[in-house]
Structure formats: C-alpha cells, structure tokens
Amino acid sequence: MSRYLLVRLRQSLVTLFLVSVVVFAGVRALPGDPALALAGEERSPQALAAIRQAYGLNDNIVVQYGRFVGHALTGDLGTSSRTGLPVLDSITSALPVTLELAMFSLLLAVVLGIGAGVVAAVRKGRTEEWLANAAALLGLSVPHFWLGIVLVLVFAIAVPVFAASGFVPFGADPLENIRHLVLPAVVLGSGLAAVVMRQTRAAMLENLSADYVRTARAKGLSRRQVIGGHALRNSLVTVVTVLGLQLGQLISGAVVTEQIFVLPGFGKLTIDAVFTRDYAMLQGVVLFTSAAYILINLLVDVLYSVVDPRIRLGGAPR
C-alpha cells in the first residue's frame, strides 16, 4: 500500500505542477495590462513603470513563473491589490466558511441521497421509487440561483425561520450559525443529493441481484442484514467515488450560493478577485482549489480499501 501511495503522490505532484503552469499562463492571458489594474486611478507613466518594476512584470514569463512557484512553495501567494493583505491570509479566513457550508451540504446529500437510493432500489417499481426518482430529477434540474431565491422568499421572509443572508461563526453562536447555513446548504446539497441517490440506486440494484446476496438470503439472514451489511456496503464504493468528485465541485460551486446568501467564503473571494482584476488573489484561489481537489481524489483512492476490503491498492496483497 505504501508503494501505491508513493506512486499516487508522485502523480498528484505532477498534476499540481501542470495546474500551476495553466493557472499562471491563464491569468497572464487575461485581457488588459496588470499594471493598469494595480495602478487604480494613478495612471501616470512613472507610476506604471514603478509598478512593473516592483511586481517584476518587466521580466520574461519564465522568470516570473519561477518566482511565482518559489514563493508559493514557501506559502507566499502574493499580496492582494484590492485589500493589500497577503493572499494566503485572505484564503485562510474565507476557507472555514466554505468548508463548513460544504460539509453541511455533504451531510445533507449523504443522508438524503443514500437513504432515498436504498429505498428506491428496495421498493423498485413501486410508489417510493417513482417519488425518489422525481425528487432526484427535480434536484438536478432546478438552478441553484432560482432555488436560493425561492427559499429566501419562503423561509426567511414569508416564514422567518432561517436567516436570509450573512454568517455567524459556530463558536460565537451555534444556533445562529445553523440558522444562517441551512438554506445555502439545502441549495448546494440538493443537486449532490440527487446524484448520490441515482448512483446509490443503480449500485444497489446491481448488488441486490448478485449471487452473494442470494446466498446471504438462503442462509437465513434478516432483510436488514442483507441490505445494510451486504448490498449497501458493496455499493458504497461507487458512492464514495461520486462524493469525492463532487466535494471538489461543492467548494467551487459555492460561488453562486455564497453570492445569493452573502456568505464571506471562498466563492465570494473568487468573484471579488475576478471583478476587481485582482490577479494575485485569482492566482491563489485557483491554485488552492486545484490542490484541494487533487488531495481529495488521493484520499478517495485510499478510502476504497476501507469501504471494500476486497480492493487491493496497487495490487498489493493484504
């Protein structure tokens, strides 16, 4: 297993290197002069020359990339031209909000998605399956911005049960923290719950018709043991794959949701960087998101052997 992890770690580092090249080149390819964006209202030739000299914009692209990578390896992602604060500090202050929202959404998606998927598979061809499929189709079809607006109108204005916007840290007031996160978590988790439900249903139907399930039934195991201990556990490999891929999308997909509910998270940080042409911040958030996505995929590969002991990582015997 250790050999497999080393191989995957090497692949992840190569992927991260390629991502850094794409991010750096992509930001440099944006239209406009970075010096003009950094100068603000001061557009004199002397000010622009000083900015290009200070930020190394006069150097060739290879030298600029080498400087960018060298600083990134030490944790220096640059300084925001909009706030004047280090990019890494801005990311670390906004990331907990997005992570809490993503975890809340993931929990909602797992509970609803797996539960509905199991019910739809076990009750195939009955009313429960049709209802679960209809709910999944609705979750996949409804746009996040529209669902967010409707939820705010109903549950924050008409019936003021939850908060319409803003964020309260959990340590300051746990109850208010939950009130502010329920609606955005429902918006962000509804699509993921639909995906999890459909994948769980498909995997469960396949496993329920497998020989080992028929053998378990022939041995006299209870219905709960057959479904939960055999069919569901072996179906979780597919679900873990989907969750691993979707968790990265949850972090990036929080952009729209955080804008709707005015959450000071990673998504809002990204949008502000785009609209204000904050190149250092944009570089930092994209690189950070890519690194998190690569790490999540690595952890998912390791979780396979935990969920299903039959899987041998890298072909190594246990």
C-alpha atoms as a PDB file:
ATOM      1  CA  MET A   1       0.000   0.000   0.000  1.00  0.00           C
ATOM      2  CA  SER A   2       2.875   2.380   0.792  1.00  0.00           C
ATOM      3  CA  ARG A   3       4.249   1.886  -2.731  1.00  0.00           C
ATOM      4  CA  TYR A   4       0.852   2.694  -4.209  1.00  0.00           C
ATOM      5  CA  LEU A   5       0.615   5.847  -2.101  1.00  0.00           C
ATOM      6  CA  LEU A   6       4.052   6.978  -3.272  1.00  0.00           C
ATOM      7  CA  VAL A   7       3.035   6.463  -6.910  1.00  0.00           C
ATOM      8  CA  ARG A   8      -0.206   8.375  -6.398  1.00  0.00           C
ATOM      9  CA  LEU A   9       1.620  11.127  -4.527  1.00  0.00           C
ATOM     10  CA  ARG A  10       4.079  11.488  -7.407  1.00  0.00           C
ATOM     11  CA  GLN A  11       1.200  11.654  -9.889  1.00  0.00           C
ATOM     12  CA  SER A  12      -0.501  14.282  -7.731  1.00  0.00           C
ATOM     13  CA  LEU A  13       2.647  16.429  -7.630  1.00  0.00           C
ATOM     14  CA  VAL A  14       2.996  16.236 -11.425  1.00  0.00           C
ATOM     15  CA  THR A  15      -0.672  17.206 -11.806  1.00  0.00           C
ATOM     16  CA  LEU A  16      -0.225  20.106  -9.395  1.00  0.00           C
ATOM     17  CA  PHE A  17       2.793  21.313 -11.376  1.00  0.00           C
ATOM     18  CA  LEU A  18       0.792  21.253 -14.622  1.00  0.00           C
ATOM     19  CA  VAL A  19      -2.058  23.067 -12.889  1.00  0.00           C
ATOM     20  CA  SER A  20       0.323  25.778 -11.685  1.00  0.00           C
ATOM     21  CA  VAL A  21       1.528  26.281 -15.275  1.00  0.00           C
ATOM     22  CA  VAL A  22      -2.041  26.546 -16.585  1.00  0.00           C
ATOM     23  CA  VAL A  23      -3.094  28.908 -13.785  1.00  0.00           C
ATOM     24  CA  PHE A  24      -0.088  31.166 -14.248  1.00  0.00           C
ATOM     25  CA  ALA A  25      -0.439  31.256 -18.042  1.00  0.00           C
ATOM     26  CA  GLY A  26      -4.215  31.682 -17.857  1.00  0.00           C
ATOM     27  CA  VAL A  27      -4.016  34.708 -15.571  1.00  0.00           C
ATOM     28  CA  ARG A  28      -1.352  36.273 -17.782  1.00  0.00           C
ATOM     29  CA  ALA A  29      -3.572  35.662 -20.827  1.00  0.00           C
ATOM     30  CA  LEU A  30      -6.408  37.771 -19.425  1.00  0.00           C
ATOM     31  CA  PRO A  31      -7.045  40.922 -21.488  1.00  0.00           C
ATOM     32  CA  GLY A  32      -5.640  44.167 -20.176  1.00  0.00           C
ATOM     33  CA  ASP A  33      -2.431  45.305 -18.529  1.00  0.00           C
ATOM     34  CA  PRO A  34      -1.939  44.089 -14.931  1.00  0.00           C
ATOM     35  CA  ALA A  35      -0.046  47.288 -14.155  1.00  0.00           C
ATOM     36  CA  LEU A  36      -3.111  49.361 -15.089  1.00  0.00           C
ATOM     37  CA  ALA A  37      -5.291  47.287 -12.756  1.00  0.00           C
ATOM     38  CA  LEU A  38      -2.775  47.666  -9.930  1.00  0.00           C
ATOM     39  CA  ALA A  39      -2.342  51.409 -10.501  1.00  0.00           C
ATOM     40  CA  GLY A  40      -6.005  52.232  -9.971  1.00  0.00           C
ATOM     41  CA  GLU A  41      -6.631  55.906 -10.695  1.00  0.00           C
ATOM     42  CA  GLU A  42      -2.922  56.737 -10.810  1.00  0.00           C
ATOM     43  CA  ARG A  43      -2.133  56.093 -14.499  1.00  0.00           C
ATOM     44  CA  SER A  44       0.976  58.225 -14.986  1.00  0.00           C
ATOM     45  CA  PRO A  45       3.862  56.603 -16.917  1.00  0.00           C
ATOM     46  CA  GLN A  46       6.102  56.923 -13.860  1.00  0.00           C
ATOM     47  CA  ALA A  47       3.607  55.095 -11.626  1.00  0.00           C
ATOM     48  CA  LEU A  48       3.100  52.335 -14.180  1.00  0.00           C
ATOM     49  CA  ALA A  49       6.863  51.891 -14.575  1.00  0.00           C
ATOM     50  CA  ALA A  50       7.295  51.688 -10.810  1.00  0.00           C
ATOM     51  CA  ILE A  51       4.542  49.062 -10.516  1.00  0.00           C
ATOM     52  CA  ARG A  52       6.028  46.931 -13.293  1.00  0.00           C
ATOM     53  CA  GLN A  53       9.414  47.111 -11.599  1.00  0.00           C
ATOM     54  CA  ALA A  54       8.017  46.308  -8.128  1.00  0.00           C
ATOM     55  CA  TYR A  55       5.992  43.312  -9.316  1.00  0.00           C
ATOM     56  CA  GLY A  56       8.599  42.026 -11.768  1.00  0.00           C
ATOM     57  CA  LEU A  57       6.314  42.494 -14.768  1.00  0.00           C
ATOM     58  CA  ASN A  58       9.257  43.560 -16.900  1.00  0.00           C
ATOM     59  CA  ASP A  59      10.889  40.132 -16.545  1.00  0.00           C
ATOM     60  CA  ASN A  60      10.253  37.400 -19.115  1.00  0.00           C
ATOM     61  CA  ILE A  61       7.478  34.901 -18.483  1.00  0.00           C
ATOM     62  CA  VAL A  62       9.809  32.075 -17.423  1.00  0.00           C
ATOM     63  CA  VAL A  63      11.443  34.193 -14.725  1.00  0.00           C
ATOM     64  CA  GLN A  64       8.026  35.350 -13.488  1.00  0.00           C
ATOM     65  CA  TYR A  65       6.806  31.749 -13.299  1.00  0.00           C
ATOM     66  CA  GLY A  66       9.919  30.619 -11.418  1.00  0.00           C
ATOM     67  CA  ARG A  67       9.417  33.436  -8.911  1.00  0.00           C
ATOM     68  CA  PHE A  68       5.741  32.530  -8.540  1.00  0.00           C
ATOM     69  CA  VAL A  69       6.495  28.849  -7.847  1.00  0.00           C
ATOM     70  CA  GLY A  70       9.338  29.669  -5.464  1.00  0.00           C
ATOM     71  CA  HIS A  71       7.144  31.969  -3.401  1.00  0.00           C
ATOM     72  CA  ALA A  72       4.198  29.538  -3.486  1.00  0.00           C
ATOM     73  CA  LEU A  73       6.371  26.747  -2.075  1.00  0.00           C
ATOM     74  CA  THR A  74       7.092  28.923   0.945  1.00  0.00           C
ATOM     75  CA  GLY A  75       3.411  29.788   1.408  1.00  0.00           C
ATOM     76  CA  ASP A  76       3.686  33.220  -0.185  1.00  0.00           C
ATOM     77  CA  LEU A  77       0.915  33.575  -2.781  1.00  0.00           C
ATOM     78  CA  GLY A  78       1.410  37.288  -3.184  1.00  0.00           C
ATOM     79  CA  THR A  79      -0.450  40.361  -1.965  1.00  0.00           C
ATOM     80  CA  SER A  80      -3.964  41.331  -2.946  1.00  0.00           C
ATOM     81  CA  SER A  81      -4.112  44.522  -4.973  1.00  0.00           C
ATOM     82  CA  ARG A  82      -7.652  45.118  -3.714  1.00  0.00           C
ATOM     83  CA  THR A  83      -7.143  44.776   0.048  1.00  0.00           C
ATOM     84  CA  GLY A  84      -3.374  44.987   0.430  1.00  0.00           C
ATOM     85  CA  LEU A  85      -3.432  41.816   2.546  1.00  0.00           C
ATOM     86  CA  PRO A  86      -1.467  38.617   1.862  1.00  0.00           C
ATOM     87  CA  VAL A  87      -3.441  36.289  -0.398  1.00  0.00           C
ATOM     88  CA  LEU A  88      -2.882  33.308   1.888  1.00  0.00           C
ATOM     89  CA  ASP A  89      -4.334  35.209   4.870  1.00  0.00           C
ATOM     90  CA  SER A  90      -7.455  36.077   2.864  1.00  0.00           C
ATOM     91  CA  ILE A  91      -7.840  32.452   1.776  1.00  0.00           C
ATOM     92  CA  THR A  92      -7.430  31.029   5.282  1.00  0.00           C
ATOM     93  CA  SER A  93     -10.005  33.478   6.668  1.00  0.00           C
ATOM     94  CA  ALA A  94     -12.584  32.710   3.958  1.00  0.00           C
ATOM     95  CA  LEU A  95     -11.980  28.966   3.658  1.00  0.00           C
ATOM     96  CA  PRO A  96     -13.606  27.919   7.004  1.00  0.00           C
ATOM     97  CA  VAL A  97     -16.921  29.429   5.873  1.00  0.00           C
ATOM     98  CA  THR A  98     -16.899  27.492   2.604  1.00  0.00           C
ATOM     99  CA  LEU A  99     -15.698  24.275   4.259  1.00  0.00           C
ATOM    100  CA  GLU A 100     -18.468  24.431   6.858  1.00  0.00           C
ATOM    101  CA  LEU A 101     -21.027  25.062   4.125  1.00  0.00           C
ATOM    102  CA  ALA A 102     -19.594  22.213   2.032  1.00  0.00           C
ATOM    103  CA  MET A 103     -19.595  19.768   4.970  1.00  0.00           C
ATOM    104  CA  PHE A 104     -23.166  20.723   5.884  1.00  0.00           C
ATOM    105  CA  SER A 105     -24.243  20.260   2.257  1.00  0.00           C
ATOM    106  CA  LEU A 106     -22.355  16.964   2.012  1.00  0.00           C
ATOM    107  CA  LEU A 107     -24.012  15.639   5.170  1.00  0.00           C
ATOM    108  CA  LEU A 108     -27.420  16.581   3.808  1.00  0.00           C
ATOM    109  CA  ALA A 109     -26.643  14.950   0.464  1.00  0.00           C
ATOM    110  CA  VAL A 110     -25.364  11.728   2.049  1.00  0.00           C
ATOM    111  CA  VAL A 111     -28.320  11.290   4.398  1.00  0.00           C
ATOM    112  CA  LEU A 112     -30.978  12.102   1.810  1.00  0.00           C
ATOM    113  CA  GLY A 113     -29.229  10.657  -1.238  1.00  0.00           C
ATOM    114  CA  ILE A 114     -28.196   7.300   0.188  1.00  0.00           C
ATOM    115  CA  GLY A 115     -31.464   6.885   2.074  1.00  0.00           C
ATOM    116  CA  ALA A 116     -33.598   7.651  -0.987  1.00  0.00           C
ATOM    117  CA  GLY A 117     -31.369   5.495  -3.200  1.00  0.00           C
ATOM    118  CA  VAL A 118     -31.700   2.465  -0.938  1.00  0.00           C
ATOM    119  CA  VAL A 119     -35.476   2.898  -0.679  1.00  0.00           C
ATOM    120  CA  ALA A 120     -35.787   3.295  -4.467  1.00  0.00           C
ATOM    121  CA  ALA A 121     -33.786   0.110  -5.071  1.00  0.00           C
ATOM    122  CA  VAL A 122     -35.543  -1.985  -2.448  1.00  0.00           C
ATOM    123  CA  ARG A 123     -39.006  -0.737  -3.495  1.00  0.00           C
ATOM    124  CA  LYS A 124     -38.329  -0.951  -7.228  1.00  0.00           C
ATOM    125  CA  GLY A 125     -41.401  -0.454  -9.389  1.00  0.00           C
ATOM    126  CA  ARG A 126     -43.455   0.958  -6.516  1.00  0.00           C
ATOM    127  CA  THR A 127     -44.577   4.428  -5.471  1.00  0.00           C
ATOM    128  CA  GLU A 128     -41.465   5.036  -3.358  1.00  0.00           C
ATOM    129  CA  GLU A 129     -39.170   4.572  -6.347  1.00  0.00           C
ATOM    130  CA  TRP A 130     -41.195   6.950  -8.523  1.00  0.00           C
ATOM    131  CA  LEU A 131     -41.162   9.596  -5.783  1.00  0.00           C
ATOM    132  CA  ALA A 132     -37.403   9.231  -5.260  1.00  0.00           C
ATOM    133  CA  ASN A 133     -36.718   9.478  -9.000  1.00  0.00           C
ATOM    134  CA  ALA A 134     -38.972  12.525  -9.305  1.00  0.00           C
ATOM    135  CA  ALA A 135     -37.193  14.238  -6.389  1.00  0.00           C
ATOM    136  CA  ALA A 136     -33.786  13.439  -7.933  1.00  0.00           C
ATOM    137  CA  LEU A 137     -34.848  14.817 -11.311  1.00  0.00           C
ATOM    138  CA  LEU A 138     -36.102  17.963  -9.617  1.00  0.00           C
ATOM    139  CA  GLY A 139     -32.830  18.364  -7.697  1.00  0.00           C
ATOM    140  CA  LEU A 140     -30.792  18.034 -10.890  1.00  0.00           C
ATOM    141  CA  SER A 141     -32.997  20.363 -12.932  1.00  0.00           C
ATOM    142  CA  VAL A 142     -33.642  23.338 -10.658  1.00  0.00           C
ATOM    143  CA  PRO A 143     -30.975  26.083 -10.977  1.00  0.00           C
ATOM    144  CA  HIS A 144     -29.235  26.969  -7.722  1.00  0.00           C
ATOM    145  CA  PHE A 145     -29.866  30.700  -8.010  1.00  0.00           C
ATOM    146  CA  TRP A 146     -33.610  30.198  -8.518  1.00  0.00           C
ATOM    147  CA  LEU A 147     -33.903  27.703  -5.656  1.00  0.00           C
ATOM    148  CA  GLY A 148     -31.962  30.036  -3.376  1.00  0.00           C
ATOM    149  CA  ILE A 149     -34.234  32.979  -4.126  1.00  0.00           C
ATOM    150  CA  VAL A 150     -37.374  30.880  -3.568  1.00  0.00           C
ATOM    151  CA  LEU A 151     -36.088  29.516  -0.254  1.00  0.00           C
ATOM    152  CA  VAL A 152     -35.240  33.027   0.940  1.00  0.00           C
ATOM    153  CA  LEU A 153     -38.706  34.321  -0.028  1.00  0.00           C
ATOM    154  CA  VAL A 154     -40.477  31.446   1.716  1.00  0.00           C
ATOM    155  CA  PHE A 155     -38.366  30.521   4.744  1.00  0.00           C
ATOM    156  CA  ALA A 156     -36.612  33.806   5.507  1.00  0.00           C
ATOM    157  CA  ILE A 157     -39.215  36.435   4.577  1.00  0.00           C
ATOM    158  CA  ALA A 158     -42.721  34.902   4.478  1.00  0.00           C
ATOM    159  CA  VAL A 159     -41.994  32.495   7.333  1.00  0.00           C
ATOM    160  CA  PRO A 160     -38.847  33.881   9.021  1.00  0.00           C
ATOM    161  CA  VAL A 161     -37.445  30.615  10.329  1.00  0.00           C
ATOM    162  CA  PHE A 162     -33.972  30.870   8.825  1.00  0.00           C
ATOM    163  CA  ALA A 163     -31.656  33.774   8.055  1.00  0.00           C
ATOM    164  CA  ALA A 164     -31.644  35.243   4.554  1.00  0.00           C
ATOM    165  CA  SER A 165     -28.005  36.311   4.447  1.00  0.00           C
ATOM    166  CA  GLY A 166     -24.815  36.721   6.408  1.00  0.00           C
ATOM    167  CA  PHE A 167     -22.729  34.373   8.507  1.00  0.00           C
ATOM    168  CA  VAL A 168     -22.235  33.816  12.241  1.00  0.00           C
ATOM    169  CA  PRO A 169     -19.264  31.697  13.385  1.00  0.00           C
ATOM    170  CA  PHE A 170     -20.179  28.494  15.176  1.00  0.00           C
ATOM    171  CA  GLY A 171     -18.066  29.438  18.184  1.00  0.00           C
ATOM    172  CA  ALA A 172     -19.908  32.739  18.603  1.00  0.00           C
ATOM    173  CA  ASP A 173     -23.464  31.341  18.433  1.00  0.00           C
ATOM    174  CA  PRO A 174     -24.068  27.723  17.311  1.00  0.00           C
ATOM    175  CA  LEU A 175     -27.811  28.188  16.846  1.00  0.00           C
ATOM    176  CA  GLU A 176     -27.416  31.303  14.701  1.00  0.00           C
ATOM    177  CA  ASN A 177     -24.665  29.582  12.753  1.00  0.00           C
ATOM    178  CA  ILE A 178     -27.079  26.785  11.821  1.00  0.00           C
ATOM    179  CA  ARG A 179     -29.872  29.262  11.009  1.00  0.00           C
ATOM    180  CA  HIS A 180     -27.597  31.037   8.539  1.00  0.00           C
ATOM    181  CA  LEU A 181     -26.307  27.849   6.892  1.00  0.00           C
ATOM    182  CA  VAL A 182     -29.461  25.726   6.495  1.00  0.00           C
ATOM    183  CA  LEU A 183     -30.804  27.447   3.369  1.00  0.00           C
ATOM    184  CA  PRO A 184     -27.472  27.679   1.481  1.00  0.00           C
ATOM    185  CA  ALA A 185     -26.730  24.052   2.450  1.00  0.00           C
ATOM    186  CA  VAL A 186     -30.070  22.946   1.002  1.00  0.00           C
ATOM    187  CA  VAL A 187     -29.357  24.868  -2.216  1.00  0.00           C
ATOM    188  CA  LEU A 188     -25.826  23.498  -2.552  1.00  0.00           C
ATOM    189  CA  GLY A 189     -26.644  19.960  -1.406  1.00  0.00           C
ATOM    190  CA  SER A 190     -29.829  19.387  -3.422  1.00  0.00           C
ATOM    191  CA  GLY A 191     -28.021  18.659  -6.677  1.00  0.00           C
ATOM    192  CA  LEU A 192     -25.457  16.422  -4.966  1.00  0.00           C
ATOM    193  CA  ALA A 193     -28.208  14.520  -3.135  1.00  0.00           C
ATOM    194  CA  ALA A 194     -29.859  13.807  -6.478  1.00  0.00           C
ATOM    195  CA  VAL A 195     -26.598  12.475  -7.952  1.00  0.00           C
ATOM    196  CA  VAL A 196     -25.917  10.329  -4.873  1.00  0.00           C
ATOM    197  CA  MET A 197     -29.463   8.968  -4.935  1.00  0.00           C
ATOM    198  CA  ARG A 198     -29.244   7.844  -8.556  1.00  0.00           C
ATOM    199  CA  GLN A 199     -25.800   6.297  -8.127  1.00  0.00           C
ATOM    200  CA  THR A 200     -26.843   4.515  -4.927  1.00  0.00           C
ATOM    201  CA  ARG A 201     -29.988   3.170  -6.552  1.00  0.00           C
ATOM    202  CA  ALA A 202     -28.082   1.847  -9.581  1.00  0.00           C
ATOM    203  CA  ALA A 203     -25.375   0.217  -7.436  1.00  0.00           C
ATOM    204  CA  MET A 204     -27.941  -1.281  -5.054  1.00  0.00           C
ATOM    205  CA  LEU A 205     -29.974  -2.794  -7.894  1.00  0.00           C
ATOM    206  CA  GLU A 206     -26.827  -4.417  -9.263  1.00  0.00           C
ATOM    207  CA  ASN A 207     -25.753  -5.802  -5.891  1.00  0.00           C
ATOM    208  CA  LEU A 208     -29.221  -6.980  -4.862  1.00  0.00           C
ATOM    209  CA  SER A 209     -29.248  -9.298  -7.880  1.00  0.00           C
ATOM    210  CA  ALA A 210     -25.725 -10.625  -7.223  1.00  0.00           C
ATOM    211  CA  ASP A 211     -25.041 -14.217  -6.193  1.00  0.00           C
ATOM    212  CA  TYR A 212     -23.620 -13.356  -2.768  1.00  0.00           C
ATOM    213  CA  VAL A 213     -26.853 -11.579  -1.819  1.00  0.00           C
ATOM    214  CA  ARG A 214     -28.909 -14.620  -2.825  1.00  0.00           C
ATOM    215  CA  THR A 215     -26.549 -16.769  -0.779  1.00  0.00           C
ATOM    216  CA  ALA A 216     -26.973 -14.472   2.234  1.00  0.00           C
ATOM    217  CA  ARG A 217     -30.734 -14.747   1.927  1.00  0.00           C
ATOM    218  CA  ALA A 218     -30.501 -18.525   1.612  1.00  0.00           C
ATOM    219  CA  LYS A 219     -28.526 -18.639   4.875  1.00  0.00           C
ATOM    220  CA  GLY A 220     -31.475 -17.059   6.620  1.00  0.00           C
ATOM    221  CA  LEU A 221     -30.026 -13.598   7.273  1.00  0.00           C
ATOM    222  CA  SER A 222     -32.552 -10.909   8.062  1.00  0.00           C
ATOM    223  CA  ARG A 223     -33.621  -8.369   5.441  1.00  0.00           C
ATOM    224  CA  ARG A 224     -31.764  -5.616   7.297  1.00  0.00           C
ATOM    225  CA  GLN A 225     -28.526  -7.634   7.364  1.00  0.00           C
ATOM    226  CA  VAL A 226     -28.761  -8.447   3.667  1.00  0.00           C
ATOM    227  CA  ILE A 227     -29.475  -4.864   2.603  1.00  0.00           C
ATOM    228  CA  GLY A 228     -27.269  -2.980   5.061  1.00  0.00           C
ATOM    229  CA  GLY A 229     -24.427  -5.402   5.714  1.00  0.00           C
ATOM    230  CA  HIS A 230     -24.002  -6.781   2.199  1.00  0.00           C
ATOM    231  CA  ALA A 231     -25.660  -4.873  -0.646  1.00  0.00           C
ATOM    232  CA  LEU A 232     -25.263  -1.334   0.726  1.00  0.00           C
ATOM    233  CA  ARG A 233     -21.670  -1.764   1.878  1.00  0.00           C
ATOM    234  CA  ASN A 234     -20.569  -3.035  -1.516  1.00  0.00           C
ATOM    235  CA  SER A 235     -22.494  -0.221  -3.194  1.00  0.00           C
ATOM    236  CA  LEU A 236     -20.628   2.431  -1.232  1.00  0.00           C
ATOM    237  CA  VAL A 237     -17.548   2.184  -3.474  1.00  0.00           C
ATOM    238  CA  THR A 238     -19.486   3.892  -6.241  1.00  0.00           C
ATOM    239  CA  VAL A 239     -20.956   6.415  -3.817  1.00  0.00           C
ATOM    240  CA  VAL A 240     -17.541   7.289  -2.356  1.00  0.00           C
ATOM    241  CA  THR A 241     -16.244   7.950  -5.873  1.00  0.00           C
ATOM    242  CA  VAL A 242     -19.125  10.303  -6.595  1.00  0.00           C
ATOM    243  CA  LEU A 243     -18.748  12.089  -3.259  1.00  0.00           C
ATOM    244  CA  GLY A 244     -15.018  12.538  -3.766  1.00  0.00           C
ATOM    245  CA  LEU A 245     -15.525  14.112  -7.169  1.00  0.00           C
ATOM    246  CA  GLN A 246     -18.456  16.221  -6.043  1.00  0.00           C
ATOM    247  CA  LEU A 247     -16.751  17.549  -2.898  1.00  0.00           C
ATOM    248  CA  GLY A 248     -14.305  19.484  -5.052  1.00  0.00           C
ATOM    249  CA  GLN A 249     -17.219  20.792  -7.083  1.00  0.00           C
ATOM    250  CA  LEU A 250     -19.010  21.792  -3.875  1.00  0.00           C
ATOM    251  CA  ILE A 251     -16.138  24.098  -2.972  1.00  0.00           C
ATOM    252  CA  SER A 252     -16.018  25.636  -6.442  1.00  0.00           C
ATOM    253  CA  GLY A 253     -19.805  25.531  -6.869  1.00  0.00           C
ATOM    254  CA  ALA A 254     -20.284  27.568  -3.703  1.00  0.00           C
ATOM    255  CA  VAL A 255     -19.588  30.700  -5.763  1.00  0.00           C
ATOM    256  CA  VAL A 256     -23.223  31.251  -6.784  1.00  0.00           C
ATOM    257  CA  THR A 257     -24.654  30.140  -3.441  1.00  0.00           C
ATOM    258  CA  GLU A 258     -22.378  32.405  -1.428  1.00  0.00           C
ATOM    259  CA  GLN A 259     -23.306  35.347  -3.632  1.00  0.00           C
ATOM    260  CA  ILE A 260     -27.019  34.729  -3.083  1.00  0.00           C
ATOM    261  CA  PHE A 261     -26.728  34.428   0.702  1.00  0.00           C
ATOM    262  CA  VAL A 262     -23.879  36.954   1.098  1.00  0.00           C
ATOM    263  CA  LEU A 263     -21.550  34.477   2.780  1.00  0.00           C
ATOM    264  CA  PRO A 264     -17.941  35.693   3.222  1.00  0.00           C
ATOM    265  CA  GLY A 265     -16.488  32.455   1.876  1.00  0.00           C
ATOM    266  CA  PHE A 266     -14.199  31.178  -0.827  1.00  0.00           C
ATOM    267  CA  GLY A 267     -16.702  31.701  -3.619  1.00  0.00           C
ATOM    268  CA  LYS A 268     -17.257  35.357  -2.835  1.00  0.00           C
ATOM    269  CA  LEU A 269     -13.500  35.827  -2.590  1.00  0.00           C
ATOM    270  CA  THR A 270     -13.123  34.408  -6.099  1.00  0.00           C
ATOM    271  CA  ILE A 271     -15.886  36.585  -7.574  1.00  0.00           C
ATOM    272  CA  ASP A 272     -14.433  39.724  -5.996  1.00  0.00           C
ATOM    273  CA  ALA A 273     -10.996  38.841  -7.406  1.00  0.00           C
ATOM    274  CA  VAL A 274     -12.438  38.432 -10.912  1.00  0.00           C
ATOM    275  CA  PHE A 275     -14.421  41.664 -10.930  1.00  0.00           C
ATOM    276  CA  THR A 276     -11.620  43.771  -9.425  1.00  0.00           C
ATOM    277  CA  ARG A 277      -8.944  42.140 -11.625  1.00  0.00           C
ATOM    278  CA  ASP A 278      -7.009  41.088  -8.525  1.00  0.00           C
ATOM    279  CA  TYR A 279      -4.511  38.856 -10.338  1.00  0.00           C
ATOM    280  CA  ALA A 280      -2.617  37.667  -7.262  1.00  0.00           C
ATOM    281  CA  MET A 281      -5.818  36.686  -5.474  1.00  0.00           C
ATOM    282  CA  LEU A 282      -7.224  34.968  -8.551  1.00  0.00           C
ATOM    283  CA  GLN A 283      -3.998  33.014  -8.981  1.00  0.00           C
ATOM    284  CA  GLY A 284      -4.005  31.991  -5.347  1.00  0.00           C
ATOM    285  CA  VAL A 285      -7.623  30.831  -5.095  1.00  0.00           C
ATOM    286  CA  VAL A 286      -7.476  28.802  -8.316  1.00  0.00           C
ATOM    287  CA  LEU A 287      -4.202  27.144  -7.296  1.00  0.00           C
ATOM    288  CA  PHE A 288      -5.528  26.447  -3.795  1.00  0.00           C
ATOM    289  CA  THR A 289      -8.772  24.968  -5.143  1.00  0.00           C
ATOM    290  CA  SER A 290      -6.871  22.746  -7.579  1.00  0.00           C
ATOM    291  CA  ALA A 291      -4.557  21.477  -4.825  1.00  0.00           C
ATOM    292  CA  ALA A 292      -7.569  20.693  -2.614  1.00  0.00           C
ATOM    293  CA  TYR A 293      -9.251  18.823  -5.459  1.00  0.00           C
ATOM    294  CA  ILE A 294      -6.118  16.727  -6.083  1.00  0.00           C
ATOM    295  CA  LEU A 295      -5.828  15.930  -2.361  1.00  0.00           C
ATOM    296  CA  ILE A 296      -9.490  14.882  -2.175  1.00  0.00           C
ATOM    297  CA  ASN A 297      -9.055  12.469  -5.086  1.00  0.00           C
ATOM    298  CA  LEU A 298      -5.995  10.963  -3.397  1.00  0.00           C
ATOM    299  CA  LEU A 299      -7.952  10.429  -0.166  1.00  0.00           C
ATOM    300  CA  VAL A 300     -10.826   8.851  -2.099  1.00  0.00           C
ATOM    301  CA  ASP A 301      -8.450   6.289  -3.611  1.00  0.00           C
ATOM    302  CA  VAL A 302      -7.270   5.357  -0.109  1.00  0.00           C
ATOM    303  CA  LEU A 303     -10.853   5.133   1.189  1.00  0.00           C
ATOM    304  CA  TYR A 304     -11.692   2.468  -1.389  1.00  0.00           C
ATOM    305  CA  SER A 305      -9.865  -0.196   0.590  1.00  0.00           C
ATOM    306  CA  VAL A 306     -11.571   0.922   3.799  1.00  0.00           C
ATOM    307  CA  VAL A 307     -15.071   0.735   2.330  1.00  0.00           C
ATOM    308  CA  ASP A 308     -14.473  -2.535   0.470  1.00  0.00           C
ATOM    309  CA  PRO A 309     -11.714  -4.806   1.883  1.00  0.00           C
ATOM    310  CA  ARG A 310     -11.735  -6.809  -1.367  1.00  0.00           C
ATOM    311  CA  ILE A 311      -9.928  -3.920  -3.086  1.00  0.00           C
ATOM    312  CA  ARG A 312      -6.155  -4.209  -3.039  1.00  0.00           C
ATOM    313  CA  LEU A 313      -4.418  -0.879  -3.547  1.00  0.00           C
ATOM    314  CA  GLY A 314      -1.837  -1.142  -6.277  1.00  0.00           C
ATOM    315  CA  GLY A 315      -2.357  -4.893  -6.440  1.00  0.00           C
ATOM    316  CA  ALA A 316      -0.566  -5.378  -3.135  1.00  0.00           C
ATOM    317  CA  PRO A 317      -1.768  -8.297  -1.011  1.00  0.00           C
ATOM    318  CA  ARG A 318      -3.035  -7.595   2.471  1.00  0.00           C
END
